[in-house]
Amino acid sequence: MRITRPEKKSQIEVEATRFTPLELSEVSAFWLWESHRGNKKALALCHALMMETLERRFDSAFGVTRSEEERQARLTERMDVSREEFEALAESMAEPDILREHVSRLEAQVRRLGEEPLQLPAPED
């Protein structure tokens, strides 16, 4: 693979394909925003990369040596586990939203019937 980079941030050519590079801060902001918007793959990626970053810092602080292949394998494993965990979490968090929606619909039905939700009915004469 041949990569050439011009002096300015304009374009990079990789085997006859050109693209405009982004700053690392732009790329990380994009993936963080995507995870904030609910993109489960982006959330798994952000989580796995945070874990890798912390692991690298801890390894450095405590003199642990790992090969790049081992780090890549650990990152891939973390992304798979994180994706599964976040999917399960999303399902469990959806239940309260569904319940709130049901309550809102029931309250609307009560109002259409001329009553106020959560109020005792007026005594009949």
C-alpha atoms as a PDB file:
ATOM      1  CA  MET A   1       0.000   0.000   0.000  1.00  0.00           C
ATOM      2  CA  ARG A   2       1.398   3.374  -0.985  1.00  0.00           C
ATOM      3  CA  ILE A   3       0.284   6.446   0.958  1.00  0.00           C
ATOM      4  CA  THR A   4       1.338   9.921  -0.079  1.00  0.00           C
ATOM      5  CA  ARG A   5       0.466  12.983   1.923  1.00  0.00           C
ATOM      6  CA  PRO A   6       0.838  16.503   0.558  1.00  0.00           C
ATOM      7  CA  GLU A   7       2.255  19.296   2.690  1.00  0.00           C
ATOM      8  CA  LYS A   8      -1.191  20.849   3.331  1.00  0.00           C
ATOM      9  CA  LYS A   9      -4.295  19.134   4.691  1.00  0.00           C
ATOM     10  CA  SER A  10      -6.060  18.751   1.379  1.00  0.00           C
ATOM     11  CA  GLN A  11      -6.126  15.181   0.090  1.00  0.00           C
ATOM     12  CA  ILE A  12      -4.433  11.838   0.640  1.00  0.00           C
ATOM     13  CA  GLU A  13      -3.936   9.297  -2.113  1.00  0.00           C
ATOM     14  CA  VAL A  14      -4.002   5.586  -1.283  1.00  0.00           C
ATOM     15  CA  GLU A  15      -3.517   3.362  -4.333  1.00  0.00           C
ATOM     16  CA  ALA A  16      -5.198   5.810  -6.737  1.00  0.00           C
ATOM     17  CA  THR A  17      -8.063   6.658  -4.362  1.00  0.00           C
ATOM     18  CA  ARG A  18      -8.219  10.207  -3.079  1.00  0.00           C
ATOM     19  CA  PHE A  19      -9.960  11.429   0.034  1.00  0.00           C
ATOM     20  CA  THR A  20      -9.833  14.481   2.237  1.00  0.00           C
ATOM     21  CA  PRO A  21      -8.446  13.675   5.694  1.00  0.00           C
ATOM     22  CA  LEU A  22     -10.120  14.798   8.888  1.00  0.00           C
ATOM     23  CA  GLU A  23      -8.483  15.841  12.116  1.00  0.00           C
ATOM     24  CA  LEU A  24      -8.480  13.253  14.880  1.00  0.00           C
ATOM     25  CA  SER A  25     -10.692  15.558  16.960  1.00  0.00           C
ATOM     26  CA  GLU A  26     -13.247  15.670  14.107  1.00  0.00           C
ATOM     27  CA  VAL A  27     -13.314  11.888  13.743  1.00  0.00           C
ATOM     28  CA  SER A  28     -13.668  11.291  17.482  1.00  0.00           C
ATOM     29  CA  ALA A  29     -16.405  13.945  17.743  1.00  0.00           C
ATOM     30  CA  PHE A  30     -18.283  12.270  14.880  1.00  0.00           C
ATOM     31  CA  TRP A  31     -18.257   8.821  16.527  1.00  0.00           C
ATOM     32  CA  LEU A  32     -19.132  10.274  19.920  1.00  0.00           C
ATOM     33  CA  TRP A  33     -22.067  12.168  18.369  1.00  0.00           C
ATOM     34  CA  GLU A  34     -23.207   9.020  16.571  1.00  0.00           C
ATOM     35  CA  SER A  35     -23.152   7.082  19.856  1.00  0.00           C
ATOM     36  CA  HIS A  36     -25.085   9.922  21.535  1.00  0.00           C
ATOM     37  CA  ARG A  37     -27.720   9.644  18.800  1.00  0.00           C
ATOM     38  CA  GLY A  38     -28.192   5.953  19.645  1.00  0.00           C
ATOM     39  CA  ASN A  39     -25.976   4.297  17.027  1.00  0.00           C
ATOM     40  CA  LYS A  40     -25.159   1.036  18.829  1.00  0.00           C
ATOM     41  CA  LYS A  41     -22.130   0.286  16.670  1.00  0.00           C
ATOM     42  CA  ALA A  42     -20.707   3.746  17.356  1.00  0.00           C
ATOM     43  CA  LEU A  43     -21.346   3.300  21.086  1.00  0.00           C
ATOM     44  CA  ALA A  44     -19.568  -0.066  21.057  1.00  0.00           C
ATOM     45  CA  LEU A  45     -16.660   1.485  19.140  1.00  0.00           C
ATOM     46  CA  CYS A  46     -16.335   4.435  21.539  1.00  0.00           C
ATOM     47  CA  HIS A  47     -16.507   2.171  24.568  1.00  0.00           C
ATOM     48  CA  ALA A  48     -13.925  -0.268  23.185  1.00  0.00           C
ATOM     49  CA  LEU A  49     -11.556   2.562  22.232  1.00  0.00           C
ATOM     50  CA  MET A  50     -11.866   4.137  25.687  1.00  0.00           C
ATOM     51  CA  MET A  51     -11.037   0.780  27.245  1.00  0.00           C
ATOM     52  CA  GLU A  52      -8.044   0.383  24.936  1.00  0.00           C
ATOM     53  CA  THR A  53      -6.797   3.879  25.725  1.00  0.00           C
ATOM     54  CA  LEU A  54      -7.001   3.269  29.464  1.00  0.00           C
ATOM     55  CA  GLU A  55      -5.414  -0.146  29.085  1.00  0.00           C
ATOM     56  CA  ARG A  56      -2.485   1.346  27.122  1.00  0.00           C
ATOM     57  CA  ARG A  57      -1.943   3.991  29.802  1.00  0.00           C
ATOM     58  CA  PHE A  58      -2.114   1.436  32.613  1.00  0.00           C
ATOM     59  CA  ASP A  59       0.197  -0.925  30.716  1.00  0.00           C
ATOM     60  CA  SER A  60       2.669   1.910  30.278  1.00  0.00           C
ATOM     61  CA  ALA A  61       2.451   2.893  33.946  1.00  0.00           C
ATOM     62  CA  PHE A  62       2.960  -0.682  35.163  1.00  0.00           C
ATOM     63  CA  GLY A  63       5.441  -1.854  32.515  1.00  0.00           C
ATOM     64  CA  VAL A  64       3.145  -4.328  30.741  1.00  0.00           C
ATOM     65  CA  THR A  65       4.156  -5.129  27.149  1.00  0.00           C
ATOM     66  CA  ARG A  66       1.627  -6.272  24.534  1.00  0.00           C
ATOM     67  CA  SER A  67       2.013  -6.756  20.788  1.00  0.00           C
ATOM     68  CA  GLU A  68      -0.113  -4.730  18.369  1.00  0.00           C
ATOM     69  CA  GLU A  69      -1.732  -7.984  17.188  1.00  0.00           C
ATOM     70  CA  GLU A  70      -2.775  -8.749  20.779  1.00  0.00           C
ATOM     71  CA  ARG A  71      -4.112  -5.216  21.214  1.00  0.00           C
ATOM     72  CA  GLN A  72      -6.082  -5.486  17.955  1.00  0.00           C
ATOM     73  CA  ALA A  73      -7.563  -8.830  19.003  1.00  0.00           C
ATOM     74  CA  ARG A  74      -8.564  -7.407  22.391  1.00  0.00           C
ATOM     75  CA  LEU A  75     -10.163  -4.364  20.728  1.00  0.00           C
ATOM     76  CA  THR A  76     -12.155  -6.564  18.335  1.00  0.00           C
ATOM     77  CA  GLU A  77     -13.325  -8.744  21.230  1.00  0.00           C
ATOM     78  CA  ARG A  78     -14.317  -5.694  23.267  1.00  0.00           C
ATOM     79  CA  MET A  79     -16.321  -4.248  20.386  1.00  0.00           C
ATOM     80  CA  ASP A  80     -18.255  -7.508  19.985  1.00  0.00           C
ATOM     81  CA  VAL A  81     -18.942  -7.781  23.720  1.00  0.00           C
ATOM     82  CA  SER A  82     -19.827  -4.091  24.006  1.00  0.00           C
ATOM     83  CA  ARG A  83     -22.262  -4.292  21.095  1.00  0.00           C
ATOM     84  CA  GLU A  84     -24.054  -7.246  22.732  1.00  0.00           C
ATOM     85  CA  GLU A  85     -24.115  -5.500  26.121  1.00  0.00           C
ATOM     86  CA  PHE A  86     -25.459  -2.253  24.654  1.00  0.00           C
ATOM     87  CA  GLU A  87     -28.145  -4.073  22.663  1.00  0.00           C
ATOM     88  CA  ALA A  88     -29.317  -5.799  25.865  1.00  0.00           C
ATOM     89  CA  LEU A  89     -29.179  -2.483  27.729  1.00  0.00           C
ATOM     90  CA  ALA A  90     -31.163  -0.729  24.990  1.00  0.00           C
ATOM     91  CA  GLU A  91     -33.860  -3.388  25.175  1.00  0.00           C
ATOM     92  CA  SER A  92     -34.126  -3.089  28.956  1.00  0.00           C
ATOM     93  CA  MET A  93     -34.273   0.716  28.760  1.00  0.00           C
ATOM     94  CA  ALA A  94     -36.998   0.629  26.105  1.00  0.00           C
ATOM     95  CA  GLU A  95     -39.529  -0.878  28.525  1.00  0.00           C
ATOM     96  CA  PRO A  96     -40.067   2.311  30.609  1.00  0.00           C
ATOM     97  CA  ASP A  97     -40.511   4.291  27.381  1.00  0.00           C
ATOM     98  CA  ILE A  98     -43.179   1.854  26.235  1.00  0.00           C
ATOM     99  CA  LEU A  99     -44.934   2.099  29.605  1.00  0.00           C
ATOM    100  CA  ARG A 100     -44.881   5.920  29.484  1.00  0.00           C
ATOM    101  CA  GLU A 101     -46.384   5.795  25.995  1.00  0.00           C
ATOM    102  CA  HIS A 102     -49.182   3.487  27.204  1.00  0.00           C
ATOM    103  CA  VAL A 103     -49.942   5.750  30.163  1.00  0.00           C
ATOM    104  CA  SER A 104     -50.059   8.802  27.863  1.00  0.00           C
ATOM    105  CA  ARG A 105     -52.496   7.048  25.539  1.00  0.00           C
ATOM    106  CA  LEU A 106     -54.715   5.991  28.423  1.00  0.00           C
ATOM    107  CA  GLU A 107     -54.713   9.532  29.834  1.00  0.00           C
ATOM    108  CA  ALA A 108     -55.702  10.873  26.401  1.00  0.00           C
ATOM    109  CA  GLN A 109     -58.551   8.370  26.213  1.00  0.00           C
ATOM    110  CA  VAL A 110     -59.799   9.404  29.661  1.00  0.00           C
ATOM    111  CA  ARG A 111     -59.738  13.089  28.595  1.00  0.00           C
ATOM    112  CA  ARG A 112     -61.678  12.271  25.404  1.00  0.00           C
ATOM    113  CA  LEU A 113     -64.313  10.675  27.626  1.00  0.00           C
ATOM    114  CA  GLY A 114     -64.634  13.984  29.469  1.00  0.00           C
ATOM    115  CA  GLU A 115     -62.770  13.109  32.639  1.00  0.00           C
ATOM    116  CA  GLU A 116     -59.432  14.137  34.100  1.00  0.00           C
ATOM    117  CA  PRO A 117     -56.865  11.344  34.550  1.00  0.00           C
ATOM    118  CA  LEU A 118     -55.985  10.316  38.110  1.00  0.00           C
ATOM    119  CA  GLN A 119     -59.048  12.064  39.538  1.00  0.00           C
ATOM    120  CA  LEU A 120     -61.868  10.327  41.322  1.00  0.00           C
ATOM    121  CA  PRO A 121     -65.113  10.522  39.421  1.00  0.00           C
ATOM    122  CA  ALA A 122     -67.711  12.986  40.693  1.00  0.00           C
ATOM    123  CA  PRO A 123     -70.304  11.403  43.005  1.00  0.00           C
ATOM    124  CA  GLU A 124     -73.545  10.603  41.286  1.00  0.00           C
ATOM    125  CA  ASP A 125     -76.711  12.187  42.674  1.00  0.00           C
END
